[in-house]
Amino acid sequence: MADGTTAPDWTFTDINGTSWNLYSLTAQGKTVFIDVSATWCGPCWNYHSGHALKELYLEHGPTGTLSQDVMVFFIEGDNTTTSADLNGTGTNTQGDWVTGTPYPIIDLQGSAETTFNNNYAIAGFPTIYKVCPNNKIYEVGQQNAAGLVNSINSCPFPTDAYTSAGPVTLQCSGTFAPTVSLKNNGNRI
């Protein structure tokens, strides 16, 4: 996908049975990182084994030690992958992708995977995307954890309050009772 375009929304269930919705997470002000990989992919395994996303998640995920402003997902991008492949015991895998991975793993199958790969223009593995709180998507590549954290700074900061409607005419005489609508587009109250 072209950088700065709107990421298509999705709701997927991870391998532990938990349902996740992209726009619900971004509406909470979270930056979402998506690793689209395949269990058989050597460069995917090397990046996964480098633990950049694990470190990012542990430091900035929902129970992060530094902040809780990030969410990370591993999405298996090849619909021929089996549960055994994810767990490192199958015939089409580089290793155990599940053990030690603290963030959700989503193993899409069939048309759900085809639709996701088409919507997200997955042309190769791994593809690492960042979705900002405003739902704009950027391909960030295989960066270390510090690089991924720094990439968050390029996300526009959600505006906490702004006028979404207000007076559109000027009046120079008589009385005037303006009406203004405020919208909270951020996560501060």
Protein backbone atom coordinates (compact mmCIF):
# COMPACT_ATOMS: atom_id res chain seq x y z
CA MET A 1 0.00 0.00 0.00
CA ALA A 2 1.14 3.51 -0.65
CA ASP A 3 2.45 5.31 2.41
CA GLY A 4 -0.11 7.69 3.89
CA THR A 5 -3.19 5.93 2.52
CA THR A 6 -5.96 4.76 4.83
CA ALA A 7 -5.49 1.21 6.09
CA PRO A 8 -8.53 -0.99 5.49
CA ASP A 9 -10.21 -1.97 8.75
CA TRP A 10 -10.26 -5.60 9.82
CA THR A 11 -11.47 -7.81 12.63
CA PHE A 12 -9.53 -11.06 13.07
CA THR A 13 -9.28 -13.76 15.71
CA ASP A 14 -5.82 -14.78 16.91
CA ILE A 15 -4.66 -18.37 17.51
CA ASN A 16 -5.74 -18.07 21.16
CA GLY A 17 -9.34 -17.18 20.24
CA THR A 18 -9.16 -13.44 20.99
CA SER A 19 -10.85 -11.11 18.50
CA TRP A 20 -9.06 -7.90 17.46
CA ASN A 21 -10.29 -4.89 15.49
CA LEU A 22 -7.77 -2.52 13.91
CA TYR A 23 -9.87 0.65 14.10
CA SER A 24 -10.79 0.01 17.75
CA LEU A 25 -7.09 0.02 18.59
CA THR A 26 -6.27 3.13 16.59
CA ALA A 27 -9.30 4.90 18.11
CA GLN A 28 -7.61 4.32 21.49
CA GLY A 29 -4.61 6.29 20.19
CA LYS A 30 -2.46 3.20 19.58
CA THR A 31 0.04 2.84 16.76
CA VAL A 32 -0.36 -0.67 15.34
CA PHE A 33 2.54 -2.61 13.84
CA ILE A 34 1.69 -5.54 11.56
CA ASP A 35 4.28 -8.15 10.58
CA VAL A 36 2.98 -10.08 7.57
CA SER A 37 5.27 -13.08 7.20
CA ALA A 38 5.28 -16.76 6.23
CA THR A 39 6.59 -19.60 8.39
CA TRP A 40 8.79 -20.90 5.55
CA CYS A 41 10.41 -17.51 4.85
CA GLY A 42 14.07 -17.29 5.92
CA PRO A 43 14.26 -13.45 6.09
CA CYS A 44 10.98 -13.48 8.06
CA TRP A 45 12.44 -15.93 10.57
CA ASN A 46 15.64 -13.89 10.90
CA TYR A 47 13.63 -10.73 11.63
CA HIS A 48 11.33 -12.56 14.06
CA SER A 49 14.35 -14.10 15.82
CA GLY A 50 15.92 -10.66 16.20
CA HIS A 51 13.04 -9.81 18.61
CA ALA A 52 12.56 -6.19 17.48
CA LEU A 53 8.76 -6.52 17.56
CA LYS A 54 8.87 -8.47 20.83
CA GLU A 55 10.96 -5.72 22.44
CA LEU A 56 8.66 -3.03 21.04
CA TYR A 57 5.60 -4.86 22.39
CA LEU A 58 7.08 -5.49 25.85
CA GLU A 59 8.15 -1.85 26.21
CA HIS A 60 5.21 -0.07 24.52
CA GLY A 61 2.39 -2.63 24.21
CA PRO A 62 -0.76 -2.86 26.38
CA THR A 63 1.26 -3.67 29.52
CA GLY A 64 4.46 -1.96 28.39
CA THR A 65 7.20 -0.93 30.77
CA LEU A 66 7.68 2.47 29.06
CA SER A 67 4.24 3.27 27.62
CA GLN A 68 1.10 1.53 26.43
CA ASP A 69 0.65 3.27 23.08
CA VAL A 70 1.51 0.41 20.68
CA MET A 71 -0.03 -2.86 19.51
CA VAL A 72 1.80 -5.52 17.49
CA PHE A 73 0.43 -8.37 15.37
CA PHE A 74 2.01 -11.25 13.49
CA ILE A 75 -0.17 -12.20 10.54
CA GLU A 76 0.71 -15.43 8.76
CA GLY A 77 0.48 -14.45 5.11
CA ASP A 78 0.46 -17.88 3.44
CA ASN A 79 -2.82 -19.79 3.65
CA THR A 80 -1.05 -23.14 3.25
CA THR A 81 0.49 -22.72 6.71
CA THR A 82 -0.66 -25.17 9.36
CA SER A 83 -0.76 -24.90 13.13
CA ALA A 84 2.16 -27.33 13.19
CA ASP A 85 4.16 -24.95 10.97
CA LEU A 86 3.50 -22.05 13.36
CA ASN A 87 4.60 -24.21 16.28
CA GLY A 88 7.77 -25.32 14.49
CA THR A 89 6.84 -28.99 14.12
CA GLY A 90 5.46 -28.89 10.57
CA THR A 91 7.24 -29.45 7.28
CA ASN A 92 6.95 -25.86 5.99
CA THR A 93 8.58 -23.79 8.72
CA GLN A 94 11.81 -22.14 9.82
CA GLY A 95 11.10 -22.73 13.53
CA ASP A 96 8.69 -22.19 16.42
CA TRP A 97 6.95 -18.85 15.87
CA VAL A 98 4.62 -19.18 18.86
CA THR A 99 6.76 -19.91 21.91
CA GLY A 100 8.07 -16.67 23.39
CA THR A 101 5.95 -14.41 21.16
CA PRO A 102 3.98 -12.16 23.55
CA TYR A 103 1.87 -10.39 20.90
CA PRO A 104 -1.08 -11.90 19.00
CA ILE A 105 -0.50 -14.28 16.11
CA ILE A 106 -3.21 -14.36 13.47
CA ASP A 107 -3.34 -17.29 11.05
CA LEU A 108 -5.77 -16.30 8.31
CA GLN A 109 -7.12 -18.97 6.01
CA GLY A 110 -8.93 -19.07 2.69
CA SER A 111 -10.75 -15.99 1.42
CA ALA A 112 -9.97 -13.96 4.57
CA GLU A 113 -6.27 -14.25 3.83
CA THR A 114 -6.69 -13.55 0.12
CA THR A 115 -8.77 -10.45 0.89
CA PHE A 116 -6.26 -9.20 3.47
CA ASN A 117 -3.26 -9.78 1.18
CA ASN A 118 -5.03 -8.00 -1.69
CA ASN A 119 -6.27 -5.09 0.46
CA TYR A 120 -2.82 -4.60 1.99
CA ALA A 121 -0.95 -5.14 -1.30
CA ILE A 122 1.27 -7.88 0.15
CA ALA A 123 3.82 -8.55 -2.59
CA GLY A 124 6.45 -10.34 -0.49
CA PHE A 125 7.41 -11.52 2.95
CA PRO A 126 8.10 -10.02 5.38
CA THR A 127 6.06 -6.87 4.98
CA ILE A 128 6.09 -4.69 8.10
CA TYR A 129 3.44 -1.98 8.31
CA LYS A 130 2.76 0.77 10.84
CA VAL A 131 -0.82 2.05 11.16
CA CYS A 132 -1.01 5.42 12.91
CA PRO A 133 -3.89 6.44 15.21
CA ASN A 134 -5.41 8.35 12.27
CA ASN A 135 -5.56 5.01 10.32
CA LYS A 136 -2.85 6.05 7.85
CA ILE A 137 -0.49 3.23 6.91
CA TYR A 138 3.26 3.24 6.27
CA GLU A 139 5.63 0.43 5.34
CA VAL A 140 8.44 0.58 7.91
CA GLY A 141 10.50 -2.44 6.93
CA GLN A 142 12.70 -4.58 9.15
CA GLN A 143 13.85 -1.99 11.68
CA ASN A 144 15.16 -2.63 15.18
CA ALA A 145 12.95 -1.72 18.15
CA ALA A 146 14.47 1.75 18.53
CA GLY A 147 13.83 2.50 14.84
CA LEU A 148 10.23 1.34 15.17
CA VAL A 149 9.71 3.56 18.23
CA ASN A 150 11.23 6.52 16.38
CA SER A 151 8.89 5.88 13.45
CA ILE A 152 5.94 6.58 15.78
CA ASN A 153 7.04 10.23 15.86
CA SER A 154 6.05 10.59 12.20
CA CYS A 155 2.44 9.77 13.06
CA PRO A 156 0.28 12.87 13.37
CA PHE A 157 -0.60 13.55 16.97
CA PRO A 158 -4.36 13.23 17.45
CA THR A 159 -5.96 16.57 18.08
CA ASP A 160 -7.65 16.54 21.46
CA ALA A 161 -10.33 19.11 20.66
CA TYR A 162 -11.23 21.21 17.68
CA THR A 163 -14.24 23.02 16.32
CA SER A 164 -16.09 20.86 13.85
CA ALA A 165 -18.75 23.50 13.14
CA GLY A 166 -19.23 27.13 14.02
CA PRO A 167 -20.52 30.48 12.78
CA VAL A 168 -20.20 30.84 9.04
CA THR A 169 -21.60 34.36 8.68
CA LEU A 170 -20.58 37.65 10.23
CA GLN A 171 -23.14 39.96 11.78
CA CYS A 172 -22.32 43.58 12.54
CA SER A 173 -25.53 44.71 14.20
CA GLY A 174 -28.21 43.31 16.47
CA THR A 175 -27.74 40.30 18.68
CA PHE A 176 -26.00 37.11 17.74
CA ALA A 177 -25.96 33.80 19.60
CA PRO A 178 -23.22 31.65 18.05
CA THR A 179 -23.36 27.87 18.19
CA VAL A 180 -20.09 25.95 18.18
CA SER A 181 -19.57 22.20 18.03
CA LEU A 182 -16.44 20.73 19.58
CA LYS A 183 -15.08 17.31 18.78
CA ASN A 184 -12.60 15.34 20.87
CA ASN A 185 -10.52 13.48 18.30
CA GLY A 186 -7.86 12.36 20.75
CA ASN A 187 -7.67 10.23 23.85
CA ARG A 188 -7.59 12.97 26.48
CA ILE A 189 -10.63 13.98 28.47
